[in-house]
Every structure is written in C-alpha cells, then in structure tokens.
Amino acid sequence: MNMDAVTIVAIILGSVIPTLLYLVWMWRADRKDGQRFRTIAAAFAAGATISVVTGVILSALILAAIVVLYVISTGDLSVADISLTTGWLAFITAVFVAPFAEELCKGGSVLLFRRRMDSLETGIIIGASVGLGFAAVENILYGATAAEEGLEFALLLIGLRSVTAALGHAGYTAITGYGIAKWNRSRRPKLIWIPFYLVAVLLHAFSNLLASISEVMVVGEWFQIACVAILLVMDVSIILLLRRRIKQLDSPAASSPAAQPPLQSF
C-alpha cells in the first residue's frame, strides 16, 4: 500500500495527539503527589513498544496453538490455509485471543514500573499510560489499513477509536495497574493483582465482541450503531470512574497513615 507523506503524518498525528491529551488529563488528576511526567511518558512508551511487540507475538503463538490443536483433533489441514480475515477466525482472535494476550503484555509493562508505585492512584495512572501508548500504535495500524478507502475514512475511523478503543485500552490496563499497586502496597500474596487482570480481560473481550459480531452474523445498521453506542458509554464510564477514584485516593482522608498500608520493602 502506497501512502503519501501527508496521509502518513495525518494518521500518526490523528492517532497520537488524542492519546497524549488523555495522558495529561489522567496525570493531572493526581495533583497532590503525582509521579513526574517523565515516568508517565516512559510508561506510555513502554505500552507503544514492549506491549505492542510482545502482544503481537503472544497472540500469534496462541492462535498457532489453537490451529495446531484443531488439526491434531480433527485431521483437517485446510484450517492452516485460512486467512486471519476470515469471519470465525477473526472473531476468535478478537474475542478470545487478543484480550488475554494484550492485557497480559500490557500488565507486564506496568510491572516494569512497580517500584515507582508509591500510591494506589499511581498504579491507575501508570496502567492508563501503558494502555494509551498501546492504543496509539494500534490506531496508527488501523488508520493505515483504512487509508486504502481514503484519508477521510481513515481519520473518521481513528476519531471513533479515540473515544472507544483508546479509552478502553487505558481503562482496562488501569484496572490491572490498580491491582498491581495494591499488591505493591500490601503484604498479601503476589498474585493479588490477577483478579484485576481478569476483569480487564473480560471487559476487553466484551468490547471486541461488540466490535466484531458482524464477522460471524448478519446484523443491521441500527444494531451496529447500538454496539458502538454501548462501547462508547462503557469505555467513557470506566475511565471517568477510574479518574474519580484517583481523586478519591488523593484526598487527605485517603492519604492518612491509617488509610494507607505501609509500602512493601524491596
């Protein structure tokens, strides 16, 4: 696919600028003792690089394992030649493979910043930052593919994803980040953050289910509009609730010694 310089720049800026604005918006919610912005920027960069690369690799490995198991159990070799764009395979990838792999890899990037999580709200913000970095790259890739239909269509898709998928990735990974921060600030078992990760996976899977249902069944235009509306309400609500949680944790009552357990020693 050949794209001119204007199209490339427009897609990159259209994908990155909204996520950076969300990044600053989330960071500013923690006014009392928030992390330095360079830490948040580093988390964003980790989401855009480490999480993306490992997410693609892990998704491919899981999908390959599914295909191998299918071939072994049925003896049907034809499945190996099916394109990823084929209805059911694309649906399985979106709903069952991607949420597990991507949230795990984004959670891994959040863990890189565990020692800098001096509060529960920091875990939320770092998680959101990783998710936004991941979303920025994902939007660029989706925009580049959509550019085959024209720049206007690509920017429209990126704009839609900026208020659904971008906020979704931020919110889901912020939930994982909150779980990691709780582990970081307590003496509970190390796997305490796993339930938070599973919640992120379920939310991500439900989001992808609504976005890809048309791959496996015929749906009307109004049904698709309803799915987009549900995604919009869900993703915006999650990020607003998490930002509100940051402010609650940042309040004097929540930050008192009695309200916060001591930091776990390293």
C-alpha atoms as a PDB file:
ATOM      1  CA  MET A   1       0.000   0.000   0.000  1.00  0.00           C
ATOM      2  CA  ASN A   2       1.442   3.357  -1.037  1.00  0.00           C
ATOM      3  CA  MET A   3       0.644   6.417   1.094  1.00  0.00           C
ATOM      4  CA  ASP A   4       1.878   9.937   0.543  1.00  0.00           C
ATOM      5  CA  ALA A   5       3.618  11.926   3.269  1.00  0.00           C
ATOM      6  CA  VAL A   6       0.512  13.955   4.107  1.00  0.00           C
ATOM      7  CA  THR A   7      -1.534  10.810   4.720  1.00  0.00           C
ATOM      8  CA  ILE A   8       1.181   9.247   6.888  1.00  0.00           C
ATOM      9  CA  VAL A   9       1.602  12.384   9.008  1.00  0.00           C
ATOM     10  CA  ALA A  10      -2.165  12.852   9.344  1.00  0.00           C
ATOM     11  CA  ILE A  11      -2.653   9.259  10.508  1.00  0.00           C
ATOM     12  CA  ILE A  12       0.204   9.457  13.028  1.00  0.00           C
ATOM     13  CA  LEU A  13      -0.883  12.804  14.452  1.00  0.00           C
ATOM     14  CA  GLY A  14      -4.542  11.801  14.496  1.00  0.00           C
ATOM     15  CA  SER A  15      -3.631   8.660  16.450  1.00  0.00           C
ATOM     16  CA  VAL A  16      -1.059  10.078  18.859  1.00  0.00           C
ATOM     17  CA  ILE A  17      -2.424  13.522  19.787  1.00  0.00           C
ATOM     18  CA  PRO A  18      -5.691  12.302  21.402  1.00  0.00           C
ATOM     19  CA  THR A  19      -3.854   9.668  23.442  1.00  0.00           C
ATOM     20  CA  LEU A  20      -1.330  12.250  24.670  1.00  0.00           C
ATOM     21  CA  LEU A  21      -4.167  14.567  25.680  1.00  0.00           C
ATOM     22  CA  TYR A  22      -5.773  11.717  27.622  1.00  0.00           C
ATOM     23  CA  LEU A  23      -2.365  11.002  29.174  1.00  0.00           C
ATOM     24  CA  VAL A  24      -2.034  14.546  30.528  1.00  0.00           C
ATOM     25  CA  TRP A  25      -5.677  14.536  31.658  1.00  0.00           C
ATOM     26  CA  MET A  26      -5.189  11.379  33.711  1.00  0.00           C
ATOM     27  CA  TRP A  27      -1.834  12.540  35.106  1.00  0.00           C
ATOM     28  CA  ARG A  28      -3.284  15.852  36.292  1.00  0.00           C
ATOM     29  CA  ALA A  29      -5.949  14.035  38.305  1.00  0.00           C
ATOM     30  CA  ASP A  30      -3.271  13.212  40.894  1.00  0.00           C
ATOM     31  CA  ARG A  31      -2.397  16.753  41.977  1.00  0.00           C
ATOM     32  CA  LYS A  32      -1.002  16.034  45.446  1.00  0.00           C
ATOM     33  CA  ASP A  33       1.951  13.708  44.914  1.00  0.00           C
ATOM     34  CA  GLY A  34       1.748  12.529  41.334  1.00  0.00           C
ATOM     35  CA  GLN A  35       4.661  10.901  39.571  1.00  0.00           C
ATOM     36  CA  ARG A  36       6.925  13.050  37.452  1.00  0.00           C
ATOM     37  CA  PHE A  37       5.650  13.265  33.908  1.00  0.00           C
ATOM     38  CA  ARG A  38       8.770  11.541  32.583  1.00  0.00           C
ATOM     39  CA  THR A  39       7.697   8.384  34.423  1.00  0.00           C
ATOM     40  CA  ILE A  40       4.250   8.585  32.834  1.00  0.00           C
ATOM     41  CA  ALA A  41       5.815   9.255  29.430  1.00  0.00           C
ATOM     42  CA  ALA A  42       8.086   6.229  29.891  1.00  0.00           C
ATOM     43  CA  ALA A  43       5.042   4.078  30.669  1.00  0.00           C
ATOM     44  CA  PHE A  44       3.355   5.406  27.513  1.00  0.00           C
ATOM     45  CA  ALA A  45       6.459   4.499  25.501  1.00  0.00           C
ATOM     46  CA  ALA A  46       6.547   1.013  27.043  1.00  0.00           C
ATOM     47  CA  GLY A  47       2.941   0.471  26.016  1.00  0.00           C
ATOM     48  CA  ALA A  48       3.687   1.638  22.485  1.00  0.00           C
ATOM     49  CA  THR A  49       6.728  -0.604  22.076  1.00  0.00           C
ATOM     50  CA  ILE A  50       7.153  -3.506  24.502  1.00  0.00           C
ATOM     51  CA  SER A  51       3.434  -4.203  24.909  1.00  0.00           C
ATOM     52  CA  VAL A  52       2.722  -3.988  21.178  1.00  0.00           C
ATOM     53  CA  VAL A  53       5.581  -6.274  20.129  1.00  0.00           C
ATOM     54  CA  THR A  54       5.018  -8.864  22.848  1.00  0.00           C
ATOM     55  CA  GLY A  55       1.258  -8.686  22.337  1.00  0.00           C
ATOM     56  CA  VAL A  56       1.588  -9.492  18.635  1.00  0.00           C
ATOM     57  CA  ILE A  57       3.993 -12.361  19.316  1.00  0.00           C
ATOM     58  CA  LEU A  58       1.906 -13.872  22.108  1.00  0.00           C
ATOM     59  CA  SER A  59      -1.327 -13.561  20.104  1.00  0.00           C
ATOM     60  CA  ALA A  60       0.317 -15.285  17.144  1.00  0.00           C
ATOM     61  CA  LEU A  61       1.622 -18.101  19.357  1.00  0.00           C
ATOM     62  CA  ILE A  62      -1.766 -18.667  20.979  1.00  0.00           C
ATOM     63  CA  LEU A  63      -3.539 -18.630  17.623  1.00  0.00           C
ATOM     64  CA  ALA A  64      -0.981 -21.053  16.178  1.00  0.00           C
ATOM     65  CA  ALA A  65      -1.522 -23.364  19.159  1.00  0.00           C
ATOM     66  CA  ILE A  66      -5.285 -23.281  18.572  1.00  0.00           C
ATOM     67  CA  VAL A  67      -4.814 -24.160  14.896  1.00  0.00           C
ATOM     68  CA  VAL A  68      -2.391 -26.997  15.735  1.00  0.00           C
ATOM     69  CA  LEU A  69      -4.770 -28.448  18.330  1.00  0.00           C
ATOM     70  CA  TYR A  70      -7.628 -28.245  15.828  1.00  0.00           C
ATOM     71  CA  VAL A  71      -5.587 -30.035  13.164  1.00  0.00           C
ATOM     72  CA  ILE A  72      -4.497 -32.734  15.627  1.00  0.00           C
ATOM     73  CA  SER A  73      -8.025 -33.337  16.893  1.00  0.00           C
ATOM     74  CA  THR A  74      -9.799 -33.277  13.507  1.00  0.00           C
ATOM     75  CA  GLY A  75      -7.117 -34.100  10.956  1.00  0.00           C
ATOM     76  CA  ASP A  76      -8.397 -31.188   8.861  1.00  0.00           C
ATOM     77  CA  LEU A  77      -5.348 -29.458   7.377  1.00  0.00           C
ATOM     78  CA  SER A  78      -7.394 -26.892   5.460  1.00  0.00           C
ATOM     79  CA  VAL A  79      -7.698 -24.644   8.522  1.00  0.00           C
ATOM     80  CA  ALA A  80      -3.986 -23.811   8.244  1.00  0.00           C
ATOM     81  CA  ASP A  81      -4.692 -22.012   4.960  1.00  0.00           C
ATOM     82  CA  ILE A  82      -7.499 -19.809   6.311  1.00  0.00           C
ATOM     83  CA  SER A  83      -6.720 -16.097   6.327  1.00  0.00           C
ATOM     84  CA  LEU A  84      -6.907 -14.187   9.611  1.00  0.00           C
ATOM     85  CA  THR A  85      -9.541 -12.012   7.971  1.00  0.00           C
ATOM     86  CA  THR A  86     -11.905 -14.984   7.645  1.00  0.00           C
ATOM     87  CA  GLY A  87     -15.038 -14.488   9.740  1.00  0.00           C
ATOM     88  CA  TRP A  88     -14.839 -17.042  12.530  1.00  0.00           C
ATOM     89  CA  LEU A  89     -11.055 -16.992  12.847  1.00  0.00           C
ATOM     90  CA  ALA A  90     -11.058 -13.195  13.061  1.00  0.00           C
ATOM     91  CA  PHE A  91     -13.840 -13.387  15.643  1.00  0.00           C
ATOM     92  CA  ILE A  92     -11.992 -15.955  17.771  1.00  0.00           C
ATOM     93  CA  THR A  93      -8.816 -13.897  17.569  1.00  0.00           C
ATOM     94  CA  ALA A  94     -10.583 -10.695  18.593  1.00  0.00           C
ATOM     95  CA  VAL A  95     -12.726 -12.082  21.409  1.00  0.00           C
ATOM     96  CA  PHE A  96     -10.671 -14.913  22.906  1.00  0.00           C
ATOM     97  CA  VAL A  97      -7.023 -14.472  21.916  1.00  0.00           C
ATOM     98  CA  ALA A  98      -6.312 -10.727  21.785  1.00  0.00           C
ATOM     99  CA  PRO A  99      -7.824  -9.732  25.159  1.00  0.00           C
ATOM    100  CA  PHE A 100      -5.865 -12.389  27.051  1.00  0.00           C
ATOM    101  CA  ALA A 101      -2.577 -11.732  25.255  1.00  0.00           C
ATOM    102  CA  GLU A 102      -2.746  -7.950  25.037  1.00  0.00           C
ATOM    103  CA  GLU A 103      -3.827  -7.366  28.637  1.00  0.00           C
ATOM    104  CA  LEU A 104      -1.133  -9.748  29.862  1.00  0.00           C
ATOM    105  CA  CYS A 105       1.564  -7.956  27.863  1.00  0.00           C
ATOM    106  CA  LYS A 106       0.315  -4.520  28.913  1.00  0.00           C
ATOM    107  CA  GLY A 107       0.266  -5.746  32.505  1.00  0.00           C
ATOM    108  CA  GLY A 108       3.868  -6.863  32.047  1.00  0.00           C
ATOM    109  CA  SER A 109       4.819  -3.340  31.016  1.00  0.00           C
ATOM    110  CA  VAL A 110       3.036  -1.940  34.081  1.00  0.00           C
ATOM    111  CA  LEU A 111       5.074  -4.293  36.265  1.00  0.00           C
ATOM    112  CA  LEU A 112       8.249  -2.636  34.965  1.00  0.00           C
ATOM    113  CA  PHE A 113       7.196   0.461  36.926  1.00  0.00           C
ATOM    114  CA  ARG A 114       6.163  -1.356  40.093  1.00  0.00           C
ATOM    115  CA  ARG A 115       8.902   0.183  42.239  1.00  0.00           C
ATOM    116  CA  ARG A 116       7.638   3.655  41.338  1.00  0.00           C
ATOM    117  CA  MET A 117       4.101   2.948  42.518  1.00  0.00           C
ATOM    118  CA  ASP A 118       4.167   4.868  45.790  1.00  0.00           C
ATOM    119  CA  SER A 119       0.365   5.039  45.909  1.00  0.00           C
ATOM    120  CA  LEU A 120      -2.711   3.252  44.574  1.00  0.00           C
ATOM    121  CA  GLU A 121      -3.553   6.165  42.298  1.00  0.00           C
ATOM    122  CA  THR A 122      -0.110   5.928  40.720  1.00  0.00           C
ATOM    123  CA  GLY A 123      -0.908   2.355  39.699  1.00  0.00           C
ATOM    124  CA  ILE A 124      -4.049   3.560  37.924  1.00  0.00           C
ATOM    125  CA  ILE A 125      -2.206   6.339  36.096  1.00  0.00           C
ATOM    126  CA  ILE A 126       0.733   4.162  35.033  1.00  0.00           C
ATOM    127  CA  GLY A 127      -1.679   1.481  33.828  1.00  0.00           C
ATOM    128  CA  ALA A 128      -3.648   4.035  31.832  1.00  0.00           C
ATOM    129  CA  SER A 129      -0.416   5.407  30.360  1.00  0.00           C
ATOM    130  CA  VAL A 130       0.672   1.964  29.155  1.00  0.00           C
ATOM    131  CA  GLY A 131      -2.771   1.373  27.661  1.00  0.00           C
ATOM    132  CA  LEU A 132      -2.743   4.716  25.858  1.00  0.00           C
ATOM    133  CA  GLY A 133       0.660   4.011  24.340  1.00  0.00           C
ATOM    134  CA  PHE A 134      -0.629   0.672  23.087  1.00  0.00           C
ATOM    135  CA  ALA A 135      -3.771   2.327  21.712  1.00  0.00           C
ATOM    136  CA  ALA A 136      -1.787   4.987  19.843  1.00  0.00           C
ATOM    137  CA  VAL A 137       0.148   2.378  17.853  1.00  0.00           C
ATOM    138  CA  GLU A 138      -2.957   0.258  17.292  1.00  0.00           C
ATOM    139  CA  ASN A 139      -4.808   3.294  15.923  1.00  0.00           C
ATOM    140  CA  ILE A 140      -1.931   4.034  13.551  1.00  0.00           C
ATOM    141  CA  LEU A 141      -2.110   0.480  12.208  1.00  0.00           C
ATOM    142  CA  TYR A 142      -5.889   0.586  11.816  1.00  0.00           C
ATOM    143  CA  GLY A 143      -5.648   4.013  10.196  1.00  0.00           C
ATOM    144  CA  ALA A 144      -3.008   2.859   7.734  1.00  0.00           C
ATOM    145  CA  THR A 145      -5.230  -0.041   6.691  1.00  0.00           C
ATOM    146  CA  ALA A 146      -8.304   2.183   6.390  1.00  0.00           C
ATOM    147  CA  ALA A 147      -6.345   4.666   4.261  1.00  0.00           C
ATOM    148  CA  GLU A 148      -6.965   2.335   1.310  1.00  0.00           C
ATOM    149  CA  GLU A 149     -10.505   3.749   1.356  1.00  0.00           C
ATOM    150  CA  GLY A 150      -9.221   7.309   1.557  1.00  0.00           C
ATOM    151  CA  LEU A 151      -7.749   9.643   4.152  1.00  0.00           C
ATOM    152  CA  GLU A 152     -11.143  10.939   5.295  1.00  0.00           C
ATOM    153  CA  PHE A 153     -12.322   7.417   6.085  1.00  0.00           C
ATOM    154  CA  ALA A 154      -9.061   6.662   7.930  1.00  0.00           C
ATOM    155  CA  LEU A 155      -9.344   9.789  10.078  1.00  0.00           C
ATOM    156  CA  LEU A 156     -13.007   9.042  10.787  1.00  0.00           C
ATOM    157  CA  LEU A 157     -12.065   5.564  11.995  1.00  0.00           C
ATOM    158  CA  ILE A 158      -9.214   6.910  14.107  1.00  0.00           C
ATOM    159  CA  GLY A 159     -11.536   9.521  15.607  1.00  0.00           C
ATOM    160  CA  LEU A 160     -14.082   6.865  16.527  1.00  0.00           C
ATOM    161  CA  ARG A 161     -11.416   4.608  18.028  1.00  0.00           C
ATOM    162  CA  SER A 162     -10.025   7.550  20.001  1.00  0.00           C
ATOM    163  CA  VAL A 163     -13.226   7.704  22.056  1.00  0.00           C
ATOM    164  CA  THR A 164     -13.761   3.950  22.279  1.00  0.00           C
ATOM    165  CA  ALA A 165     -10.701   1.720  21.856  1.00  0.00           C
ATOM    166  CA  ALA A 166      -8.169   4.271  23.138  1.00  0.00           C
ATOM    167  CA  LEU A 167     -10.143   4.951  26.313  1.00  0.00           C
ATOM    168  CA  GLY A 168     -10.856   1.238  26.555  1.00  0.00           C
ATOM    169  CA  HIS A 169      -7.190   0.245  26.494  1.00  0.00           C
ATOM    170  CA  ALA A 170      -6.431   2.973  29.039  1.00  0.00           C
ATOM    171  CA  GLY A 171      -9.223   1.859  31.348  1.00  0.00           C
ATOM    172  CA  TYR A 172      -8.599  -1.875  31.140  1.00  0.00           C
ATOM    173  CA  THR A 173      -4.883  -1.592  31.820  1.00  0.00           C
ATOM    174  CA  ALA A 174      -5.512   0.973  34.567  1.00  0.00           C
ATOM    175  CA  ILE A 175      -7.572  -1.694  36.357  1.00  0.00           C
ATOM    176  CA  THR A 176      -4.604  -4.071  36.129  1.00  0.00           C
ATOM    177  CA  GLY A 177      -2.339  -1.268  37.320  1.00  0.00           C
ATOM    178  CA  TYR A 178      -4.563  -0.686  40.334  1.00  0.00           C
ATOM    179  CA  GLY A 179      -4.292  -4.370  41.209  1.00  0.00           C
ATOM    180  CA  ILE A 180      -0.510  -4.285  40.892  1.00  0.00           C
ATOM    181  CA  ALA A 181      -0.377  -1.188  43.100  1.00  0.00           C
ATOM    182  CA  LYS A 182      -2.487  -2.943  45.756  1.00  0.00           C
ATOM    183  CA  TRP A 183      -0.036  -5.838  45.734  1.00  0.00           C
ATOM    184  CA  ASN A 184       2.841  -3.363  45.873  1.00  0.00           C
ATOM    185  CA  ARG A 185       1.435  -1.672  48.982  1.00  0.00           C
ATOM    186  CA  SER A 186       0.406  -4.748  50.919  1.00  0.00           C
ATOM    187  CA  ARG A 187       1.853  -7.957  52.241  1.00  0.00           C
ATOM    188  CA  ARG A 188      -0.729 -10.093  50.521  1.00  0.00           C
ATOM    189  CA  PRO A 189       0.178 -12.893  48.076  1.00  0.00           C
ATOM    190  CA  LYS A 190       1.913 -11.784  44.888  1.00  0.00           C
ATOM    191  CA  LEU A 191      -0.988 -12.952  42.712  1.00  0.00           C
ATOM    192  CA  ILE A 192      -3.431 -10.489  44.282  1.00  0.00           C
ATOM    193  CA  TRP A 193      -3.392  -8.481  41.050  1.00  0.00           C
ATOM    194  CA  ILE A 194      -4.572 -11.425  38.895  1.00  0.00           C
ATOM    195  CA  PRO A 195      -8.322 -10.861  39.550  1.00  0.00           C
ATOM    196  CA  PHE A 196      -7.916  -7.264  38.364  1.00  0.00           C
ATOM    197  CA  TYR A 197      -6.184  -8.528  35.241  1.00  0.00           C
ATOM    198  CA  LEU A 198      -9.041 -10.969  34.607  1.00  0.00           C
ATOM    199  CA  VAL A 199     -11.571  -8.128  34.918  1.00  0.00           C
ATOM    200  CA  ALA A 200      -9.547  -6.223  32.305  1.00  0.00           C
ATOM    201  CA  VAL A 201      -9.587  -9.289  30.026  1.00  0.00           C
ATOM    202  CA  LEU A 202     -13.358  -9.704  30.368  1.00  0.00           C
ATOM    203  CA  LEU A 203     -14.033  -6.033  29.617  1.00  0.00           C
ATOM    204  CA  HIS A 204     -11.681  -6.151  26.635  1.00  0.00           C
ATOM    205  CA  ALA A 205     -13.309  -9.352  25.353  1.00  0.00           C
ATOM    206  CA  PHE A 206     -16.799  -7.847  25.657  1.00  0.00           C
ATOM    207  CA  SER A 207     -15.642  -4.738  23.798  1.00  0.00           C
ATOM    208  CA  ASN A 208     -14.182  -6.839  20.984  1.00  0.00           C
ATOM    209  CA  LEU A 209     -17.317  -8.977  20.903  1.00  0.00           C
ATOM    210  CA  LEU A 210     -19.468  -5.942  20.166  1.00  0.00           C
ATOM    211  CA  ALA A 211     -16.953  -4.617  17.635  1.00  0.00           C
ATOM    212  CA  SER A 212     -16.581  -7.894  15.703  1.00  0.00           C
ATOM    213  CA  ILE A 213     -20.008  -9.531  15.942  1.00  0.00           C
ATOM    214  CA  SER A 214     -20.657  -8.646  12.300  1.00  0.00           C
ATOM    215  CA  GLU A 215     -17.833 -11.035  11.325  1.00  0.00           C
ATOM    216  CA  VAL A 216     -19.937 -14.087  12.153  1.00  0.00           C
ATOM    217  CA  MET A 217     -23.545 -12.963  11.743  1.00  0.00           C
ATOM    218  CA  VAL A 218     -25.573 -10.622   9.612  1.00  0.00           C
ATOM    219  CA  VAL A 219     -26.545  -7.538  11.601  1.00  0.00           C
ATOM    220  CA  GLY A 220     -28.438  -4.445  10.652  1.00  0.00           C
ATOM    221  CA  GLU A 221     -27.166  -0.894  10.586  1.00  0.00           C
ATOM    222  CA  TRP A 222     -29.048   0.056  13.740  1.00  0.00           C
ATOM    223  CA  PHE A 223     -27.593  -2.925  15.586  1.00  0.00           C
ATOM    224  CA  GLN A 224     -24.085  -1.794  14.667  1.00  0.00           C
ATOM    225  CA  ILE A 225     -24.878   1.741  15.813  1.00  0.00           C
ATOM    226  CA  ALA A 226     -26.179   0.348  19.114  1.00  0.00           C
ATOM    227  CA  CYS A 227     -22.952  -1.641  19.581  1.00  0.00           C
ATOM    228  CA  VAL A 228     -20.856   1.480  19.013  1.00  0.00           C
ATOM    229  CA  ALA A 229     -23.037   3.415  21.469  1.00  0.00           C
ATOM    230  CA  ILE A 230     -22.626   0.704  24.128  1.00  0.00           C
ATOM    231  CA  LEU A 231     -18.852   0.701  23.600  1.00  0.00           C
ATOM    232  CA  LEU A 232     -18.733   4.481  23.876  1.00  0.00           C
ATOM    233  CA  VAL A 233     -20.750   4.571  27.093  1.00  0.00           C
ATOM    234  CA  MET A 234     -18.804   1.677  28.633  1.00  0.00           C
ATOM    235  CA  ASP A 235     -15.310   2.942  27.835  1.00  0.00           C
ATOM    236  CA  VAL A 236     -16.027   6.557  28.794  1.00  0.00           C
ATOM    237  CA  SER A 237     -17.716   5.454  32.031  1.00  0.00           C
ATOM    238  CA  ILE A 238     -14.784   3.236  33.002  1.00  0.00           C
ATOM    239  CA  ILE A 239     -12.185   5.956  32.506  1.00  0.00           C
ATOM    240  CA  LEU A 240     -14.306   8.558  34.320  1.00  0.00           C
ATOM    241  CA  LEU A 241     -14.812   6.211  37.270  1.00  0.00           C
ATOM    242  CA  LEU A 242     -11.095   5.486  37.412  1.00  0.00           C
ATOM    243  CA  ARG A 243     -10.220   9.190  37.291  1.00  0.00           C
ATOM    244  CA  ARG A 244     -12.727   9.800  40.068  1.00  0.00           C
ATOM    245  CA  ARG A 245     -11.059   7.006  42.038  1.00  0.00           C
ATOM    246  CA  ILE A 246      -7.701   8.754  41.601  1.00  0.00           C
ATOM    247  CA  LYS A 247      -9.142  11.930  43.122  1.00  0.00           C
ATOM    248  CA  GLN A 248     -10.705   9.980  45.989  1.00  0.00           C
ATOM    249  CA  LEU A 249      -7.395   8.295  46.775  1.00  0.00           C
ATOM    250  CA  ASP A 250      -5.667  11.668  46.502  1.00  0.00           C
ATOM    251  CA  SER A 251      -7.897  13.219  49.158  1.00  0.00           C
ATOM    252  CA  PRO A 252      -6.466  13.953  52.640  1.00  0.00           C
ATOM    253  CA  ALA A 253      -8.657  11.286  54.269  1.00  0.00           C
ATOM    254  CA  ALA A 254      -7.473   8.555  51.910  1.00  0.00           C
ATOM    255  CA  SER A 255      -3.803   9.548  52.249  1.00  0.00           C
ATOM    256  CA  SER A 256      -3.719   9.483  56.059  1.00  0.00           C
ATOM    257  CA  PRO A 257      -1.455   6.863  57.666  1.00  0.00           C
ATOM    258  CA  ALA A 258      -4.462   4.933  58.936  1.00  0.00           C
ATOM    259  CA  ALA A 259      -5.975   4.697  55.457  1.00  0.00           C
ATOM    260  CA  GLN A 260      -2.858   3.578  53.585  1.00  0.00           C
ATOM    261  CA  PRO A 261      -0.834   0.445  54.421  1.00  0.00           C
ATOM    262  CA  PRO A 262       2.946   0.836  54.586  1.00  0.00           C
ATOM    263  CA  LEU A 263       4.988   0.386  51.441  1.00  0.00           C
ATOM    264  CA  GLN A 264       6.278  -3.092  50.901  1.00  0.00           C
ATOM    265  CA  SER A 265      10.049  -3.262  51.252  1.00  0.00           C
ATOM    266  CA  PHE A 266      12.132  -4.448  48.312  1.00  0.00           C
END
